[in-house]
C-alpha atoms as a PDB file:
ATOM      1  CA  MET A   1      -5.184  47.664  19.392  1.00  0.00           C
ATOM      2  CA  ALA A   2      -8.281  46.497  17.534  1.00  0.00           C
ATOM      3  CA  ALA A   3      -7.835  44.301  14.493  1.00  0.00           C
ATOM      4  CA  GLU A   4      -8.444  45.876  11.099  1.00  0.00           C
ATOM      5  CA  PRO A   5     -11.993  45.116   9.935  1.00  0.00           C
ATOM      6  CA  ILE A   6     -12.608  42.697   7.073  1.00  0.00           C
ATOM      7  CA  TYR A   7     -15.551  43.173   4.732  1.00  0.00           C
ATOM      8  CA  LYS A   8     -17.334  40.625   2.562  1.00  0.00           C
ATOM      9  CA  VAL A   9     -18.598  42.364  -0.580  1.00  0.00           C
ATOM     10  CA  ILE A  10     -21.152  40.641  -2.801  1.00  0.00           C
ATOM     11  CA  PHE A  11     -21.905  42.325  -6.102  1.00  0.00           C
ATOM     12  CA  LEU A  12     -23.255  41.655  -9.569  1.00  0.00           C
ATOM     13  CA  ASN A  13     -20.896  41.931 -12.550  1.00  0.00           C
ATOM     14  CA  GLN A  14     -21.916  40.906 -16.087  1.00  0.00           C
ATOM     15  CA  ASN A  15     -24.491  38.300 -14.984  1.00  0.00           C
ATOM     16  CA  GLN A  16     -22.134  36.823 -12.405  1.00  0.00           C
ATOM     17  CA  VAL A  17     -22.209  37.257  -8.657  1.00  0.00           C
ATOM     18  CA  PHE A  18     -18.800  37.986  -7.116  1.00  0.00           C
ATOM     19  CA  GLU A  19     -18.137  37.417  -3.414  1.00  0.00           C
ATOM     20  CA  LEU A  20     -14.847  39.017  -2.343  1.00  0.00           C
ATOM     21  CA  TYR A  21     -13.133  40.050   0.865  1.00  0.00           C
ATOM     22  CA  ALA A  22     -11.425  43.409   1.390  1.00  0.00           C
ATOM     23  CA  ARG A  23      -9.949  45.517   4.166  1.00  0.00           C
ATOM     24  CA  GLN A  24     -10.980  48.938   2.853  1.00  0.00           C
ATOM     25  CA  ILE A  25     -14.413  49.956   1.591  1.00  0.00           C
ATOM     26  CA  TYR A  26     -15.985  53.386   1.441  1.00  0.00           C
ATOM     27  CA  GLN A  27     -18.253  55.665  -0.558  1.00  0.00           C
ATOM     28  CA  SER A  28     -16.432  57.107  -3.546  1.00  0.00           C
ATOM     29  CA  ASP A  29     -16.093  60.719  -4.583  1.00  0.00           C
ATOM     30  CA  LEU A  30     -17.481  59.473  -7.899  1.00  0.00           C
ATOM     31  CA  TYR A  31     -21.229  59.786  -7.398  1.00  0.00           C
ATOM     32  CA  GLY A  32     -22.990  56.425  -7.181  1.00  0.00           C
ATOM     33  CA  PHE A  33     -19.914  54.248  -6.651  1.00  0.00           C
ATOM     34  CA  ILE A  34     -18.375  52.303  -3.767  1.00  0.00           C
ATOM     35  CA  GLU A  35     -14.568  52.041  -3.597  1.00  0.00           C
ATOM     36  CA  VAL A  36     -13.058  48.700  -2.613  1.00  0.00           C
ATOM     37  CA  GLU A  37      -9.338  48.379  -1.812  1.00  0.00           C
ATOM     38  CA  ASP A  38      -6.901  45.867  -0.355  1.00  0.00           C
ATOM     39  CA  TYR A  39      -8.485  42.628  -1.550  1.00  0.00           C
ATOM     40  CA  ILE A  40      -7.917  39.507   0.545  1.00  0.00           C
ATOM     41  CA  PHE A  41      -7.451  36.157  -1.138  1.00  0.00           C
ATOM     42  CA  GLY A  42      -6.952  32.969   0.891  1.00  0.00           C
ATOM     43  CA  GLU A  43      -3.453  31.742   1.454  1.00  0.00           C
ATOM     44  CA  ARG A  44      -2.732  28.633  -0.577  1.00  0.00           C
ATOM     45  CA  THR A  45      -1.148  26.324   1.990  1.00  0.00           C
ATOM     46  CA  GLN A  46      -2.978  23.280   0.715  1.00  0.00           C
ATOM     47  CA  LEU A  47      -2.693  21.326  -2.525  1.00  0.00           C
ATOM     48  CA  VAL A  48      -6.337  21.811  -3.541  1.00  0.00           C
ATOM     49  CA  VAL A  49      -6.719  24.750  -5.921  1.00  0.00           C
ATOM     50  CA  ASP A  50     -10.084  26.511  -6.113  1.00  0.00           C
ATOM     51  CA  PRO A  51     -10.702  27.484  -9.778  1.00  0.00           C
ATOM     52  CA  ALA A  52     -13.092  30.307  -8.804  1.00  0.00           C
ATOM     53  CA  GLU A  53     -10.491  31.848  -6.515  1.00  0.00           C
ATOM     54  CA  GLU A  54      -7.782  31.538  -9.156  1.00  0.00           C
ATOM     55  CA  LYS A  55     -10.072  33.209 -11.716  1.00  0.00           C
ATOM     56  CA  LEU A  56     -10.800  36.109  -9.351  1.00  0.00           C
ATOM     57  CA  LYS A  57      -7.121  36.446  -8.416  1.00  0.00           C
ATOM     58  CA  GLY A  58      -6.299  36.717 -12.097  1.00  0.00           C
ATOM     59  CA  GLU A  59      -9.062  39.230 -12.757  1.00  0.00           C
ATOM     60  CA  PHE A  60      -8.030  41.458  -9.856  1.00  0.00           C
ATOM     61  CA  ALA A  61      -4.250  41.014 -10.241  1.00  0.00           C
ATOM     62  CA  GLY A  62      -2.628  44.425 -10.232  1.00  0.00           C
ATOM     63  CA  VAL A  63      -5.871  46.194  -9.262  1.00  0.00           C
ATOM     64  CA  LYS A  64      -5.233  48.834  -6.634  1.00  0.00           C
ATOM     65  CA  ARG A  65      -8.826  50.007  -6.226  1.00  0.00           C
ATOM     66  CA  SER A  66     -12.196  49.057  -7.730  1.00  0.00           C
ATOM     67  CA  TYR A  67     -15.141  51.382  -8.233  1.00  0.00           C
ATOM     68  CA  ILE A  68     -18.339  49.355  -8.057  1.00  0.00           C
ATOM     69  CA  PRO A  69     -21.679  50.976  -8.945  1.00  0.00           C
ATOM     70  CA  MET A  70     -23.983  51.138  -5.915  1.00  0.00           C
ATOM     71  CA  HIS A  71     -26.829  49.503  -7.819  1.00  0.00           C
ATOM     72  CA  ALA A  72     -24.611  46.436  -8.456  1.00  0.00           C
ATOM     73  CA  ILE A  73     -23.939  45.881  -4.731  1.00  0.00           C
ATOM     74  CA  ILE A  74     -26.025  43.057  -3.314  1.00  0.00           C
ATOM     75  CA  ARG A  75     -24.645  43.042   0.214  1.00  0.00           C
ATOM     76  CA  ILE A  76     -21.705  44.198   2.359  1.00  0.00           C
ATOM     77  CA  ASP A  77     -20.926  42.489   5.672  1.00  0.00           C
ATOM     78  CA  GLU A  78     -18.216  43.151   8.245  1.00  0.00           C
ATOM     79  CA  VAL A  79     -16.859  39.716   9.196  1.00  0.00           C
ATOM     80  CA  GLU A  80     -14.380  38.383  11.751  1.00  0.00           C
ATOM     81  CA  LYS A  81     -12.219  36.549   9.221  1.00  0.00           C
ATOM     82  CA  GLU A  82     -12.115  36.032   5.483  1.00  0.00           C
ATOM     83  CA  GLY A  83     -13.620  33.009   3.816  1.00  0.00           C
ATOM     84  CA  SER A  84     -13.228  31.612   0.360  1.00  0.00           C
ATOM     85  CA  VAL A  85     -13.999  33.942  -2.511  1.00  0.00           C
ATOM     86  CA  LYS A  86     -16.746  32.853  -4.886  1.00  0.00           C
ATOM     87  CA  ILE A  87     -17.990  33.563  -8.354  1.00  0.00           C
ATOM     88  CA  ARG A  88     -21.261  32.125  -9.624  1.00  0.00           C
ATOM     89  CA  GLU A  89     -23.805  32.716 -12.327  1.00  0.00           C
ATOM     90  CA  SER A  90     -26.644  35.046 -11.418  1.00  0.00           C
ATOM     91  CA  LYS A  91     -30.080  33.486 -11.158  1.00  0.00           C
ATOM     92  CA  GLY A  92     -33.524  34.543 -10.080  1.00  0.00           C
ATOM     93  CA  GLY A  93     -33.858  37.949  -8.455  1.00  0.00           C
ATOM     94  CA  GLU A  94     -30.123  38.642  -8.397  1.00  0.00           C
ATOM     95  CA  GLY A  95     -30.137  39.507 -12.094  1.00  0.00           C
ATOM     96  CA  LYS A  96     -32.991  41.965 -11.678  1.00  0.00           C
ATOM     97  CA  ILE A  97     -31.189  44.767  -9.888  1.00  0.00           C
ATOM     98  CA  MET A  98     -32.573  48.163 -10.739  1.00  0.00           C
ATOM     99  CA  ALA A  99     -31.196  51.619 -10.127  1.00  0.00           C
ATOM    100  CA  PHE A 100     -32.611  53.464  -7.139  1.00  0.00           C
ATOM    101  CA  PRO A 101     -35.388  55.780  -8.374  1.00  0.00           C
ATOM    102  CA  MET A 102     -34.230  59.383  -8.602  1.00  0.00           C
ATOM    103  CA  PRO A 103     -36.455  62.432  -8.943  1.00  0.00           C
ATOM    104  CA  GLY A 104     -36.722  63.347 -12.587  1.00  0.00           C
ATOM    105  CA  MET A 105     -37.580  66.462 -14.486  1.00  0.00           C
ATOM    106  CA  ARG A 106     -41.204  67.392 -14.794  1.00  0.00           C
ATOM    107  CA  PRO A 107     -42.567  67.058 -18.305  1.00  0.00           C
ATOM    108  CA  GLN A 108     -43.350  70.263 -20.141  1.00  0.00           C
ATOM    109  CA  PHE A 109     -46.454  70.370 -22.282  1.00  0.00           C
ATOM    110  CA  GLY A 110     -47.223  72.767 -25.083  1.00  0.00           C
ATOM    111  CA  GLY A 111     -43.959  74.722 -24.904  1.00  0.00           C
ATOM    112  CA  GLU A 112     -45.035  76.800 -21.885  1.00  0.00           C
ATOM    113  CA  PRO A 113     -42.734  76.888 -18.870  1.00  0.00           C
ATOM    114  CA  PRO A 114     -44.098  75.414 -15.641  1.00  0.00           C
ATOM    115  CA  ALA A 115     -45.940  77.808 -13.327  1.00  0.00           C
ATOM    116  CA  ASP A 116     -43.266  77.638 -10.618  1.00  0.00           C
ATOM    117  CA  ALA A 117     -40.318  78.388 -12.956  1.00  0.00           C
END
């Protein structure tokens, strides 16, 4: 039986870049969102405590599922095993994420409907 895949999800949230690991990730029924479930946080078998990991554990404590906007996703990788979770301040191009361009409505001029309407 194949092992359950593990995904590394990197996304932008309020000028911070979050790097988390999860077992379930898929496109949401909510248009424009990715659903992330079953977060993986490293087992604390050592005495050293990572403040970033503790902050993320606290933020996602009790969270069953997260809906992350697609335009906030920086990268999703399928990995062999989880690493340490990270949170860092956004810098450079990471803070300049823009929504994917969508076709808009054609402007109407002079109150007349368009010819193809």
